């Protein structure tokens, strides 16, 4: 997965460049997330999850503003209000944050989504819709990891570190949902122009047929 770090750097620079001339509020928020790398959108999602005190999977204006602020999104209050109104399609005063994250995710072709799901299904050996350390044991060989080889990490630590790539930097629970996996790769996808190249990269990274 070493290519991902390079793509992250390119994407981050690209996003920062586009931000300076972008005026669409949704696109501006998307670019601010992407400027943090592939996990940027997912990180914002996790921040909002923490804000959602009553666990009703919706955010009101106050929670939304606090979430943006806690995640360090630079935005004028007027722009944030405008953004909230765009997402609050039915004018109910709340937004559904799963819908919010899907809207924020950079768009991907069906071919890209399909190959991401193939990788997810391969990793999710138990088929319960979540990738855990148990799932990884049969698919990912920790023994090749340099830190395992020099005795610095246990096999468990290698697996955990691997899952952390897809998890949010602020709330790592050692489990990766389909949504998190898709959000992560939507970030990676944003830095790769060609469908063919993206699919080849995924197939070789995950040894998909």
N, C-alpha and C. Protein backbone atom coordinates (compact mmCIF):
# COMPACT_ATOMS: atom_id res chain seq x y z
N UNK A 1 0.83 -1.22 0.00
CA UNK A 1 0.00 0.00 0.00
C UNK A 1 0.86 1.26 0.00
N UNK A 2 2.16 1.12 -0.37
CA UNK A 2 3.06 2.27 -0.27
C UNK A 2 2.65 3.40 -1.22
N UNK A 3 1.94 3.04 -2.30
CA UNK A 3 1.51 4.07 -3.23
C UNK A 3 0.56 5.07 -2.60
N UNK A 4 -0.14 4.62 -1.57
CA UNK A 4 -1.18 5.48 -0.98
C UNK A 4 -0.59 6.75 -0.36
N UNK A 5 0.57 6.63 0.27
CA UNK A 5 1.17 7.80 0.90
C UNK A 5 1.52 8.85 -0.16
N UNK A 6 2.02 8.36 -1.30
CA UNK A 6 2.36 9.30 -2.37
C UNK A 6 1.09 9.97 -2.90
N UNK A 7 0.05 9.15 -3.13
CA UNK A 7 -1.22 9.71 -3.62
C UNK A 7 -1.77 10.72 -2.63
N UNK A 8 -1.64 10.40 -1.34
CA UNK A 8 -2.12 11.31 -0.30
C UNK A 8 -1.44 12.68 -0.41
N UNK A 9 -0.15 12.65 -0.59
CA UNK A 9 0.59 13.93 -0.69
C UNK A 9 0.14 14.72 -1.91
N UNK A 10 0.03 14.01 -3.04
CA UNK A 10 -0.39 14.69 -4.28
C UNK A 10 -1.79 15.26 -4.12
N UNK A 11 -2.68 14.45 -3.54
CA UNK A 11 -4.05 14.88 -3.39
C UNK A 11 -4.16 16.08 -2.47
N UNK A 12 -3.40 16.04 -1.40
CA UNK A 12 -3.40 17.12 -0.43
C UNK A 12 -2.98 18.44 -1.09
N UNK A 13 -1.90 18.38 -1.86
CA UNK A 13 -1.41 19.59 -2.55
C UNK A 13 -2.44 20.08 -3.56
N UNK A 14 -2.99 19.13 -4.29
CA UNK A 14 -3.99 19.44 -5.30
C UNK A 14 -5.22 20.12 -4.69
N UNK A 15 -5.68 19.55 -3.57
CA UNK A 15 -6.88 20.08 -2.90
C UNK A 15 -6.61 21.51 -2.41
N UNK A 16 -5.42 21.72 -1.83
CA UNK A 16 -5.08 23.06 -1.33
C UNK A 16 -5.06 24.08 -2.47
N UNK A 17 -4.54 23.63 -3.64
CA UNK A 17 -4.46 24.50 -4.81
C UNK A 17 -5.87 24.88 -5.27
N UNK A 18 -6.74 23.87 -5.36
CA UNK A 18 -8.11 24.12 -5.85
C UNK A 18 -8.91 24.98 -4.87
N UNK A 19 -8.61 24.83 -3.57
CA UNK A 19 -9.35 25.58 -2.54
C UNK A 19 -9.28 27.08 -2.75
N UNK A 20 -8.11 27.54 -3.20
CA UNK A 20 -7.91 28.99 -3.32
C UNK A 20 -8.85 29.62 -4.33
N UNK A 21 -9.33 28.80 -5.31
CA UNK A 21 -10.22 29.42 -6.30
C UNK A 21 -11.64 28.85 -6.30
N UNK A 22 -11.94 28.03 -5.29
CA UNK A 22 -13.25 27.37 -5.27
C UNK A 22 -14.25 28.21 -4.47
N UNK A 23 -15.46 28.36 -5.00
CA UNK A 23 -16.46 29.16 -4.26
C UNK A 23 -17.67 28.33 -3.81
N UNK A 24 -17.85 27.13 -4.38
CA UNK A 24 -18.98 26.30 -3.98
C UNK A 24 -18.75 25.76 -2.56
N UNK A 25 -19.69 26.03 -1.62
CA UNK A 25 -19.45 25.64 -0.22
C UNK A 25 -19.26 24.14 0.00
N UNK A 26 -20.03 23.30 -0.73
CA UNK A 26 -19.88 21.85 -0.56
C UNK A 26 -18.50 21.41 -1.03
N UNK A 27 -18.12 21.92 -2.21
CA UNK A 27 -16.82 21.58 -2.78
C UNK A 27 -15.68 22.08 -1.88
N UNK A 28 -15.88 23.24 -1.28
CA UNK A 28 -14.85 23.80 -0.39
C UNK A 28 -14.63 22.90 0.85
N UNK A 29 -15.75 22.42 1.39
CA UNK A 29 -15.63 21.53 2.55
C UNK A 29 -14.96 20.22 2.13
N UNK A 30 -15.37 19.70 0.96
CA UNK A 30 -14.77 18.46 0.44
C UNK A 30 -13.26 18.64 0.28
N UNK A 31 -12.85 19.77 -0.31
CA UNK A 31 -11.42 20.02 -0.54
C UNK A 31 -10.65 20.18 0.78
N UNK A 32 -11.30 20.81 1.76
CA UNK A 32 -10.62 20.95 3.07
C UNK A 32 -10.38 19.57 3.69
N UNK A 33 -11.34 18.66 3.50
CA UNK A 33 -11.16 17.30 4.01
C UNK A 33 -10.07 16.57 3.22
N UNK A 34 -10.12 16.68 1.89
CA UNK A 34 -9.15 15.97 1.05
C UNK A 34 -7.74 16.50 1.24
N UNK A 35 -7.63 17.76 1.66
CA UNK A 35 -6.29 18.32 1.88
C UNK A 35 -5.62 17.63 3.08
N UNK A 36 -6.39 16.86 3.85
CA UNK A 36 -5.82 16.09 4.97
C UNK A 36 -5.49 14.66 4.56
N UNK A 37 -5.69 14.35 3.28
CA UNK A 37 -5.38 12.99 2.82
C UNK A 37 -6.63 12.13 2.72
N UNK A 38 -6.42 10.87 2.38
CA UNK A 38 -7.53 9.95 2.08
C UNK A 38 -8.52 9.81 3.23
N UNK A 39 -8.03 9.92 4.46
CA UNK A 39 -8.91 9.67 5.60
C UNK A 39 -9.64 10.94 6.05
N UNK A 40 -9.49 12.03 5.30
CA UNK A 40 -10.05 13.33 5.73
C UNK A 40 -11.55 13.35 5.89
N UNK A 41 -12.27 12.80 4.90
CA UNK A 41 -13.74 12.83 4.96
C UNK A 41 -14.22 11.91 6.08
N UNK A 42 -13.54 10.76 6.19
CA UNK A 42 -13.92 9.82 7.25
C UNK A 42 -13.68 10.42 8.63
N UNK A 43 -12.61 11.18 8.76
CA UNK A 43 -12.30 11.84 10.03
C UNK A 43 -13.39 12.82 10.44
N UNK A 44 -13.88 13.56 9.44
CA UNK A 44 -14.97 14.52 9.72
C UNK A 44 -16.21 13.75 10.16
N UNK A 45 -16.47 12.62 9.49
CA UNK A 45 -17.63 11.78 9.86
C UNK A 45 -17.55 11.33 11.30
N UNK A 46 -16.34 10.91 11.73
CA UNK A 46 -16.16 10.46 13.10
C UNK A 46 -16.36 11.61 14.09
N UNK A 47 -15.87 12.79 13.71
CA UNK A 47 -16.05 13.96 14.59
C UNK A 47 -17.54 14.22 14.80
N UNK A 48 -18.32 14.13 13.71
CA UNK A 48 -19.76 14.34 13.82
C UNK A 48 -20.43 13.26 14.66
N UNK A 49 -19.93 12.03 14.54
CA UNK A 49 -20.50 10.94 15.33
C UNK A 49 -20.36 11.24 16.82
N UNK A 50 -19.21 11.80 17.18
CA UNK A 50 -18.96 12.14 18.59
C UNK A 50 -19.90 13.27 19.02
N UNK A 51 -20.18 14.20 18.10
CA UNK A 51 -21.08 15.33 18.40
C UNK A 51 -22.51 14.87 18.66
N UNK A 52 -22.87 13.76 18.00
CA UNK A 52 -24.26 13.32 18.01
C UNK A 52 -24.60 12.69 19.36
N UNK A 53 -24.79 13.53 20.35
CA UNK A 53 -24.96 13.07 21.73
C UNK A 53 -26.13 12.11 21.91
N UNK A 54 -27.23 12.36 21.23
CA UNK A 54 -28.41 11.51 21.45
C UNK A 54 -28.46 10.33 20.48
N UNK A 55 -27.38 10.14 19.71
CA UNK A 55 -27.28 8.99 18.79
C UNK A 55 -28.44 8.86 17.81
N UNK A 56 -29.03 9.98 17.40
CA UNK A 56 -30.16 9.86 16.47
C UNK A 56 -29.71 9.99 15.01
N UNK A 57 -28.38 10.00 14.81
CA UNK A 57 -27.79 10.04 13.45
C UNK A 57 -28.19 11.27 12.67
N UNK A 58 -28.60 12.31 13.40
CA UNK A 58 -28.84 13.59 12.71
C UNK A 58 -28.10 14.67 13.49
N UNK A 59 -27.86 15.78 12.82
CA UNK A 59 -27.17 16.90 13.45
C UNK A 59 -28.01 18.15 13.29
N UNK A 60 -28.13 18.92 14.37
CA UNK A 60 -28.77 20.22 14.20
C UNK A 60 -27.67 21.25 13.92
N UNK A 61 -28.09 22.49 13.70
CA UNK A 61 -27.14 23.54 13.31
C UNK A 61 -26.00 23.68 14.32
N UNK A 62 -26.34 23.63 15.62
CA UNK A 62 -25.34 23.83 16.67
C UNK A 62 -24.30 22.71 16.65
N UNK A 63 -24.78 21.45 16.54
CA UNK A 63 -23.86 20.31 16.49
C UNK A 63 -22.99 20.38 15.23
N UNK A 64 -23.61 20.79 14.13
CA UNK A 64 -22.90 20.90 12.86
C UNK A 64 -21.76 21.91 12.97
N UNK A 65 -22.07 23.09 13.51
CA UNK A 65 -21.07 24.16 13.68
C UNK A 65 -19.93 23.69 14.59
N UNK A 66 -20.31 23.03 15.68
CA UNK A 66 -19.29 22.57 16.64
C UNK A 66 -18.40 21.50 16.00
N UNK A 67 -19.03 20.62 15.22
CA UNK A 67 -18.27 19.57 14.53
C UNK A 67 -17.24 20.15 13.57
N UNK A 68 -17.66 21.14 12.78
CA UNK A 68 -16.73 21.78 11.84
C UNK A 68 -15.58 22.42 12.60
N UNK A 69 -15.93 23.09 13.68
CA UNK A 69 -14.95 23.78 14.49
C UNK A 69 -13.95 22.81 15.13
N UNK A 70 -14.49 21.72 15.72
CA UNK A 70 -13.62 20.73 16.38
C UNK A 70 -12.69 20.05 15.39
N UNK A 71 -13.15 19.90 14.15
CA UNK A 71 -12.32 19.24 13.14
C UNK A 71 -11.33 20.22 12.51
N UNK A 72 -11.47 21.50 12.88
CA UNK A 72 -10.53 22.49 12.37
C UNK A 72 -10.83 22.96 10.95
N UNK A 73 -12.12 22.87 10.55
CA UNK A 73 -12.48 23.37 9.22
C UNK A 73 -12.55 24.89 9.28
N UNK A 74 -11.83 25.54 8.36
CA UNK A 74 -11.82 27.00 8.33
C UNK A 74 -12.96 27.48 7.46
N UNK A 75 -13.93 28.12 8.08
CA UNK A 75 -15.10 28.54 7.32
C UNK A 75 -15.81 29.67 8.06
N UNK A 76 -16.21 30.69 7.29
CA UNK A 76 -16.98 31.78 7.90
C UNK A 76 -18.34 31.24 8.34
N UNK A 77 -18.89 31.89 9.38
CA UNK A 77 -20.18 31.43 9.92
C UNK A 77 -21.27 31.43 8.84
N UNK A 78 -21.29 32.50 8.01
CA UNK A 78 -22.33 32.59 6.96
C UNK A 78 -22.22 31.41 5.99
N UNK A 79 -20.96 31.06 5.67
CA UNK A 79 -20.74 29.96 4.72
C UNK A 79 -21.19 28.63 5.33
N UNK A 80 -20.90 28.46 6.63
CA UNK A 80 -21.30 27.23 7.32
C UNK A 80 -22.83 27.11 7.38
N UNK A 81 -23.50 28.23 7.60
CA UNK A 81 -24.97 28.22 7.65
C UNK A 81 -25.53 27.84 6.27
N UNK A 82 -24.92 28.43 5.23
CA UNK A 82 -25.35 28.14 3.85
C UNK A 82 -25.16 26.64 3.56
N UNK A 83 -24.04 26.12 4.01
CA UNK A 83 -23.71 24.71 3.81
C UNK A 83 -24.75 23.82 4.50
N UNK A 84 -25.08 24.18 5.74
CA UNK A 84 -26.07 23.41 6.51
C UNK A 84 -27.40 23.39 5.75
N UNK A 85 -27.78 24.55 5.20
CA UNK A 85 -29.07 24.64 4.49
C UNK A 85 -29.07 23.79 3.22
N UNK A 86 -27.90 23.67 2.58
CA UNK A 86 -27.81 22.82 1.38
C UNK A 86 -28.09 21.36 1.75
N UNK A 87 -27.51 20.94 2.90
CA UNK A 87 -27.68 19.54 3.31
C UNK A 87 -29.05 19.27 3.94
N UNK A 88 -29.63 20.31 4.50
CA UNK A 88 -30.95 20.17 5.13
C UNK A 88 -32.03 20.29 4.05
N UNK A 89 -32.10 19.24 3.23
CA UNK A 89 -32.95 19.32 2.01
C UNK A 89 -34.43 19.55 2.31
N UNK A 90 -34.92 18.95 3.41
CA UNK A 90 -36.36 19.10 3.68
C UNK A 90 -36.66 20.26 4.62
N UNK A 91 -35.63 21.05 4.96
CA UNK A 91 -35.85 22.22 5.80
C UNK A 91 -36.28 21.89 7.22
N UNK A 92 -35.92 20.69 7.72
CA UNK A 92 -36.38 20.26 9.04
C UNK A 92 -35.52 20.83 10.18
N UNK A 93 -34.41 21.48 9.80
CA UNK A 93 -33.52 22.01 10.85
C UNK A 93 -32.49 20.98 11.32
N UNK A 94 -32.52 19.79 10.71
CA UNK A 94 -31.49 18.79 11.03
C UNK A 94 -30.99 18.15 9.73
N UNK A 95 -29.78 17.60 9.77
CA UNK A 95 -29.29 16.87 8.60
C UNK A 95 -28.93 15.44 9.00
N UNK A 96 -29.17 14.53 8.08
CA UNK A 96 -28.85 13.12 8.27
C UNK A 96 -27.37 12.96 7.94
N UNK A 97 -26.56 12.54 8.91
CA UNK A 97 -25.14 12.63 8.59
C UNK A 97 -24.59 11.52 7.72
N UNK A 98 -25.30 10.41 7.57
CA UNK A 98 -24.85 9.41 6.58
C UNK A 98 -25.01 9.99 5.18
N UNK A 99 -26.16 10.65 4.99
CA UNK A 99 -26.46 11.29 3.71
C UNK A 99 -25.43 12.40 3.45
N UNK A 100 -25.11 13.11 4.50
CA UNK A 100 -24.12 14.20 4.43
C UNK A 100 -22.77 13.68 3.94
N UNK A 101 -22.32 12.54 4.51
CA UNK A 101 -21.02 11.99 4.12
C UNK A 101 -21.03 11.47 2.70
N UNK A 102 -22.16 10.87 2.29
CA UNK A 102 -22.25 10.37 0.93
C UNK A 102 -22.19 11.53 -0.07
N UNK A 103 -22.85 12.65 0.27
CA UNK A 103 -22.82 13.83 -0.60
C UNK A 103 -21.40 14.40 -0.66
N UNK A 104 -20.72 14.34 0.45
CA UNK A 104 -19.39 14.93 0.53
C UNK A 104 -18.33 14.08 -0.17
N UNK A 105 -18.58 12.79 -0.23
CA UNK A 105 -17.62 11.89 -0.83
C UNK A 105 -17.40 12.25 -2.30
N UNK A 106 -16.14 12.31 -2.76
CA UNK A 106 -15.93 12.59 -4.18
C UNK A 106 -16.63 11.50 -5.01
N UNK A 107 -17.22 11.90 -6.14
CA UNK A 107 -17.98 10.90 -6.90
C UNK A 107 -17.02 9.89 -7.54
N UNK A 108 -17.50 8.66 -7.66
CA UNK A 108 -16.70 7.60 -8.26
C UNK A 108 -17.54 6.84 -9.26
N UNK A 109 -16.88 6.29 -10.27
CA UNK A 109 -17.61 5.48 -11.25
C UNK A 109 -18.03 4.17 -10.58
N UNK A 110 -19.03 3.52 -11.17
CA UNK A 110 -19.49 2.23 -10.62
C UNK A 110 -18.38 1.19 -10.63
N UNK A 111 -17.52 1.27 -11.65
CA UNK A 111 -16.42 0.29 -11.75
C UNK A 111 -15.50 0.42 -10.54
N UNK A 112 -15.25 1.65 -10.10
CA UNK A 112 -14.39 1.86 -8.92
C UNK A 112 -15.09 1.35 -7.66
N UNK A 113 -16.37 1.69 -7.53
CA UNK A 113 -17.11 1.24 -6.34
C UNK A 113 -17.12 -0.28 -6.25
N UNK A 114 -17.28 -0.92 -7.41
CA UNK A 114 -17.37 -2.38 -7.45
C UNK A 114 -16.05 -3.01 -6.98
N UNK A 115 -14.92 -2.47 -7.43
CA UNK A 115 -13.64 -3.08 -7.05
C UNK A 115 -13.34 -2.81 -5.56
N UNK A 116 -13.81 -1.68 -5.05
CA UNK A 116 -13.64 -1.39 -3.61
C UNK A 116 -14.45 -2.40 -2.80
N UNK A 117 -15.67 -2.67 -3.26
CA UNK A 117 -16.52 -3.64 -2.56
C UNK A 117 -15.95 -5.06 -2.65
N UNK A 118 -15.33 -5.39 -3.78
CA UNK A 118 -14.69 -6.71 -3.91
C UNK A 118 -13.61 -6.86 -2.84
N UNK A 119 -12.82 -5.80 -2.67
CA UNK A 119 -11.74 -5.83 -1.66
C UNK A 119 -12.35 -5.96 -0.27
N UNK A 120 -13.42 -5.20 -0.02
CA UNK A 120 -14.07 -5.25 1.30
C UNK A 120 -14.57 -6.65 1.60
N UNK A 121 -15.25 -7.24 0.61
CA UNK A 121 -15.81 -8.59 0.81
C UNK A 121 -14.71 -9.62 1.06
N UNK A 122 -13.58 -9.43 0.38
CA UNK A 122 -12.47 -10.37 0.58
C UNK A 122 -11.93 -10.27 2.01
N UNK A 123 -11.85 -9.04 2.51
CA UNK A 123 -11.31 -8.83 3.86
C UNK A 123 -12.32 -9.22 4.94
N UNK A 124 -13.59 -9.01 4.65
CA UNK A 124 -14.63 -9.30 5.65
C UNK A 124 -14.97 -10.79 5.58
N UNK A 125 -14.08 -11.62 6.12
CA UNK A 125 -14.24 -13.07 5.96
C UNK A 125 -15.48 -13.61 6.65
N UNK A 126 -15.87 -12.99 7.76
CA UNK A 126 -17.04 -13.49 8.48
C UNK A 126 -18.34 -13.02 7.83
N UNK A 127 -18.23 -12.04 6.92
CA UNK A 127 -19.42 -11.57 6.20
C UNK A 127 -20.40 -10.79 7.06
N UNK A 128 -19.90 -10.21 8.19
CA UNK A 128 -20.83 -9.47 9.06
C UNK A 128 -20.83 -7.97 8.77
N UNK A 129 -20.18 -7.56 7.68
CA UNK A 129 -20.22 -6.15 7.30
C UNK A 129 -19.20 -5.28 8.03
N UNK A 130 -18.32 -5.91 8.82
CA UNK A 130 -17.28 -5.16 9.54
C UNK A 130 -15.97 -5.92 9.43
N UNK A 131 -14.87 -5.21 9.15
CA UNK A 131 -13.56 -5.87 9.11
C UNK A 131 -12.91 -5.71 10.48
N UNK A 132 -12.50 -6.85 11.06
CA UNK A 132 -11.85 -6.84 12.38
C UNK A 132 -10.51 -7.57 12.28
N UNK A 133 -9.78 -7.59 13.38
CA UNK A 133 -8.49 -8.31 13.42
C UNK A 133 -8.70 -9.77 13.08
N UNK A 134 -9.79 -10.35 13.59
CA UNK A 134 -10.09 -11.77 13.30
C UNK A 134 -10.18 -12.01 11.79
N UNK A 135 -10.89 -11.09 11.10
CA UNK A 135 -11.04 -11.22 9.64
C UNK A 135 -9.68 -11.21 8.94
N UNK A 136 -8.80 -10.33 9.41
CA UNK A 136 -7.53 -10.14 8.72
C UNK A 136 -6.62 -11.35 8.83
N UNK A 137 -6.80 -12.13 9.89
CA UNK A 137 -5.85 -13.21 10.14
C UNK A 137 -5.68 -14.17 8.96
N UNK A 138 -6.74 -14.40 8.21
CA UNK A 138 -6.60 -15.33 7.09
C UNK A 138 -6.21 -14.67 5.77
N UNK A 139 -6.22 -13.32 5.74
CA UNK A 139 -6.03 -12.66 4.45
C UNK A 139 -4.75 -11.83 4.39
N UNK A 140 -4.31 -11.35 5.53
CA UNK A 140 -3.19 -10.41 5.53
C UNK A 140 -2.06 -11.05 6.34
N UNK A 141 -0.90 -11.19 5.73
CA UNK A 141 0.20 -11.85 6.42
C UNK A 141 1.06 -10.84 7.18
N UNK A 142 0.90 -10.85 8.50
CA UNK A 142 1.62 -9.87 9.33
C UNK A 142 3.11 -10.18 9.40
N UNK A 143 3.47 -11.42 9.12
CA UNK A 143 4.87 -11.84 9.32
C UNK A 143 5.84 -11.15 8.36
N UNK A 144 5.30 -10.56 7.27
CA UNK A 144 6.18 -9.85 6.33
C UNK A 144 6.47 -8.42 6.79
N UNK A 145 5.75 -7.97 7.80
CA UNK A 145 5.91 -6.58 8.24
C UNK A 145 7.28 -6.41 8.92
N UNK A 146 8.04 -5.36 8.51
CA UNK A 146 9.38 -5.18 9.09
C UNK A 146 9.38 -5.08 10.62
N UNK A 147 8.36 -4.46 11.20
CA UNK A 147 8.35 -4.32 12.67
C UNK A 147 8.03 -5.63 13.37
N UNK A 148 7.36 -6.54 12.65
CA UNK A 148 7.12 -7.87 13.21
C UNK A 148 8.44 -8.66 13.13
N UNK A 149 9.10 -8.49 11.98
CA UNK A 149 10.34 -9.25 11.77
C UNK A 149 11.44 -8.85 12.75
N UNK A 150 11.49 -7.56 13.12
CA UNK A 150 12.56 -7.19 14.08
C UNK A 150 12.10 -7.28 15.54
N UNK A 151 10.91 -7.86 15.75
CA UNK A 151 10.46 -8.14 17.11
C UNK A 151 9.86 -6.94 17.84
N UNK A 152 9.71 -5.82 17.11
CA UNK A 152 9.18 -4.60 17.74
C UNK A 152 7.67 -4.73 18.02
N UNK A 153 6.95 -5.34 17.05
CA UNK A 153 5.49 -5.48 17.19
C UNK A 153 5.08 -6.94 17.21
N UNK A 154 3.95 -7.21 17.86
CA UNK A 154 3.35 -8.55 17.78
C UNK A 154 2.48 -8.58 16.51
N UNK A 155 2.02 -9.78 16.19
CA UNK A 155 1.13 -9.94 15.02
C UNK A 155 -0.12 -9.08 15.21
N UNK A 156 -0.64 -9.10 16.44
CA UNK A 156 -1.84 -8.33 16.80
C UNK A 156 -1.63 -6.83 16.52
N UNK A 157 -0.44 -6.32 16.90
CA UNK A 157 -0.16 -4.89 16.69
C UNK A 157 -0.08 -4.53 15.20
N UNK A 158 0.46 -5.46 14.41
CA UNK A 158 0.54 -5.22 12.96
C UNK A 158 -0.88 -5.12 12.39
N UNK A 159 -1.75 -6.05 12.79
CA UNK A 159 -3.14 -6.03 12.31
C UNK A 159 -3.83 -4.73 12.72
N UNK A 160 -3.63 -4.35 13.98
CA UNK A 160 -4.30 -3.16 14.50
C UNK A 160 -3.86 -1.92 13.73
N UNK A 161 -2.54 -1.84 13.48
CA UNK A 161 -1.99 -0.69 12.75
C UNK A 161 -2.59 -0.65 11.34
N UNK A 162 -2.73 -1.82 10.75
CA UNK A 162 -3.30 -1.92 9.41
C UNK A 162 -4.74 -1.40 9.40
N UNK A 163 -5.55 -1.82 10.37
CA UNK A 163 -6.94 -1.36 10.44
C UNK A 163 -7.01 0.14 10.70
N UNK A 164 -6.05 0.66 11.48
CA UNK A 164 -6.03 2.09 11.79
C UNK A 164 -5.93 2.96 10.54
N UNK A 165 -5.34 2.41 9.46
CA UNK A 165 -5.27 3.18 8.20
C UNK A 165 -6.64 3.62 7.74
N UNK A 166 -7.62 2.73 7.95
CA UNK A 166 -8.97 3.00 7.43
C UNK A 166 -9.84 3.67 8.48
N UNK A 167 -9.36 3.65 9.72
CA UNK A 167 -10.14 4.20 10.82
C UNK A 167 -9.87 5.70 10.95
N UNK A 168 -10.69 6.36 11.72
CA UNK A 168 -10.50 7.79 11.90
C UNK A 168 -9.34 8.03 12.86
N UNK A 169 -8.55 9.11 12.62
CA UNK A 169 -7.43 9.37 13.52
C UNK A 169 -7.86 9.66 14.95
N UNK A 170 -9.14 10.00 15.17
CA UNK A 170 -9.55 10.45 16.51
C UNK A 170 -10.26 9.39 17.32
N UNK A 171 -10.71 8.34 16.66
CA UNK A 171 -11.56 7.41 17.40
C UNK A 171 -11.37 6.02 16.81
N UNK A 172 -10.21 5.45 17.05
CA UNK A 172 -9.91 4.15 16.44
C UNK A 172 -10.54 3.03 17.27
N UNK A 173 -11.43 2.27 16.64
CA UNK A 173 -12.08 1.20 17.40
C UNK A 173 -11.66 -0.18 16.91
N UNK A 174 -10.70 -0.23 15.98
CA UNK A 174 -10.23 -1.52 15.50
C UNK A 174 -11.24 -2.27 14.65
N UNK A 175 -12.28 -1.55 14.19
CA UNK A 175 -13.26 -2.15 13.30
C UNK A 175 -13.47 -1.20 12.13
N UNK A 176 -13.59 -1.77 10.94
CA UNK A 176 -13.79 -0.92 9.76
C UNK A 176 -15.09 -1.32 9.09
N UNK A 177 -16.02 -0.36 9.01
CA UNK A 177 -17.30 -0.64 8.38
C UNK A 177 -17.17 -0.43 6.86
N UNK A 178 -18.16 -0.92 6.15
CA UNK A 178 -18.22 -0.76 4.69
C UNK A 178 -18.13 0.72 4.33
N UNK A 179 -18.87 1.53 5.10
CA UNK A 179 -18.91 2.98 4.87
C UNK A 179 -17.52 3.60 5.03
N UNK A 180 -16.81 3.21 6.09
CA UNK A 180 -15.47 3.76 6.35
C UNK A 180 -14.49 3.34 5.25
N UNK A 181 -14.61 2.10 4.83
CA UNK A 181 -13.74 1.57 3.79
C UNK A 181 -13.98 2.34 2.49
N UNK A 182 -15.26 2.54 2.18
CA UNK A 182 -15.64 3.28 0.96
C UNK A 182 -15.20 4.74 1.05
N UNK A 183 -15.38 5.36 2.22
CA UNK A 183 -14.95 6.76 2.39
C UNK A 183 -13.45 6.90 2.22
N UNK A 184 -12.72 5.93 2.77
CA UNK A 184 -11.25 5.96 2.66
C UNK A 184 -10.84 5.90 1.19
N UNK A 185 -11.40 4.92 0.47
CA UNK A 185 -11.00 4.76 -0.93
C UNK A 185 -11.56 5.83 -1.85
N UNK A 186 -12.65 6.48 -1.43
CA UNK A 186 -13.13 7.63 -2.21
C UNK A 186 -12.07 8.72 -2.16
N UNK A 187 -11.41 8.83 -0.98
CA UNK A 187 -10.31 9.78 -0.85
C UNK A 187 -9.14 9.40 -1.75
N UNK A 188 -8.75 8.12 -1.72
CA UNK A 188 -7.64 7.66 -2.58
C UNK A 188 -8.02 7.88 -4.05
N UNK A 189 -9.27 7.53 -4.37
CA UNK A 189 -9.76 7.63 -5.75
C UNK A 189 -9.67 9.07 -6.28
N UNK A 190 -9.89 10.03 -5.38
CA UNK A 190 -9.87 11.43 -5.80
C UNK A 190 -8.51 11.85 -6.34
N UNK A 191 -7.46 11.10 -5.97
CA UNK A 191 -6.13 11.49 -6.42
C UNK A 191 -5.69 10.73 -7.68
N UNK A 192 -6.58 9.86 -8.19
CA UNK A 192 -6.21 9.03 -9.35
C UNK A 192 -7.20 9.29 -10.48
N UNK A 193 -6.70 9.82 -11.59
CA UNK A 193 -7.60 10.21 -12.69
C UNK A 193 -8.18 9.02 -13.45
N UNK A 194 -7.36 8.00 -13.65
CA UNK A 194 -7.78 6.92 -14.55
C UNK A 194 -8.46 5.78 -13.81
N UNK A 195 -9.66 5.40 -14.28
CA UNK A 195 -10.37 4.24 -13.73
C UNK A 195 -9.51 2.99 -13.83
N UNK A 196 -8.89 2.82 -15.01
CA UNK A 196 -8.10 1.61 -15.26
C UNK A 196 -6.97 1.50 -14.24
N UNK A 197 -6.28 2.62 -14.01
CA UNK A 197 -5.16 2.60 -13.07
C UNK A 197 -5.65 2.30 -11.65
N UNK A 198 -6.77 2.92 -11.26
CA UNK A 198 -7.32 2.71 -9.92
C UNK A 198 -7.66 1.23 -9.72
N UNK A 199 -8.32 0.63 -10.72
CA UNK A 199 -8.74 -0.77 -10.62
C UNK A 199 -7.53 -1.70 -10.55
N UNK A 200 -6.53 -1.42 -11.39
CA UNK A 200 -5.30 -2.24 -11.37
C UNK A 200 -4.63 -2.15 -10.00
N UNK A 201 -4.59 -0.92 -9.46
CA UNK A 201 -3.96 -0.71 -8.15
C UNK A 201 -4.69 -1.51 -7.06
N UNK A 202 -6.03 -1.44 -7.08
CA UNK A 202 -6.82 -2.16 -6.07
C UNK A 202 -6.62 -3.67 -6.21
N UNK A 203 -6.66 -4.14 -7.47
CA UNK A 203 -6.55 -5.60 -7.68
C UNK A 203 -5.19 -6.12 -7.25
N UNK A 204 -4.14 -5.32 -7.50
CA UNK A 204 -2.82 -5.83 -7.10
C UNK A 204 -2.62 -5.68 -5.60
N UNK A 205 -3.17 -4.60 -5.00
CA UNK A 205 -3.02 -4.42 -3.54
C UNK A 205 -3.73 -5.54 -2.78
N UNK A 206 -4.90 -5.94 -3.28
CA UNK A 206 -5.70 -6.92 -2.54
C UNK A 206 -5.74 -8.30 -3.20
N UNK A 207 -4.88 -8.47 -4.22
CA UNK A 207 -4.82 -9.77 -4.93
C UNK A 207 -6.23 -10.26 -5.31
N UNK A 208 -6.95 -9.39 -6.01
CA UNK A 208 -8.30 -9.76 -6.46
C UNK A 208 -8.19 -10.39 -7.85
N UNK A 209 -9.07 -11.34 -8.17
CA UNK A 209 -8.99 -11.96 -9.50
C UNK A 209 -9.54 -11.01 -10.55
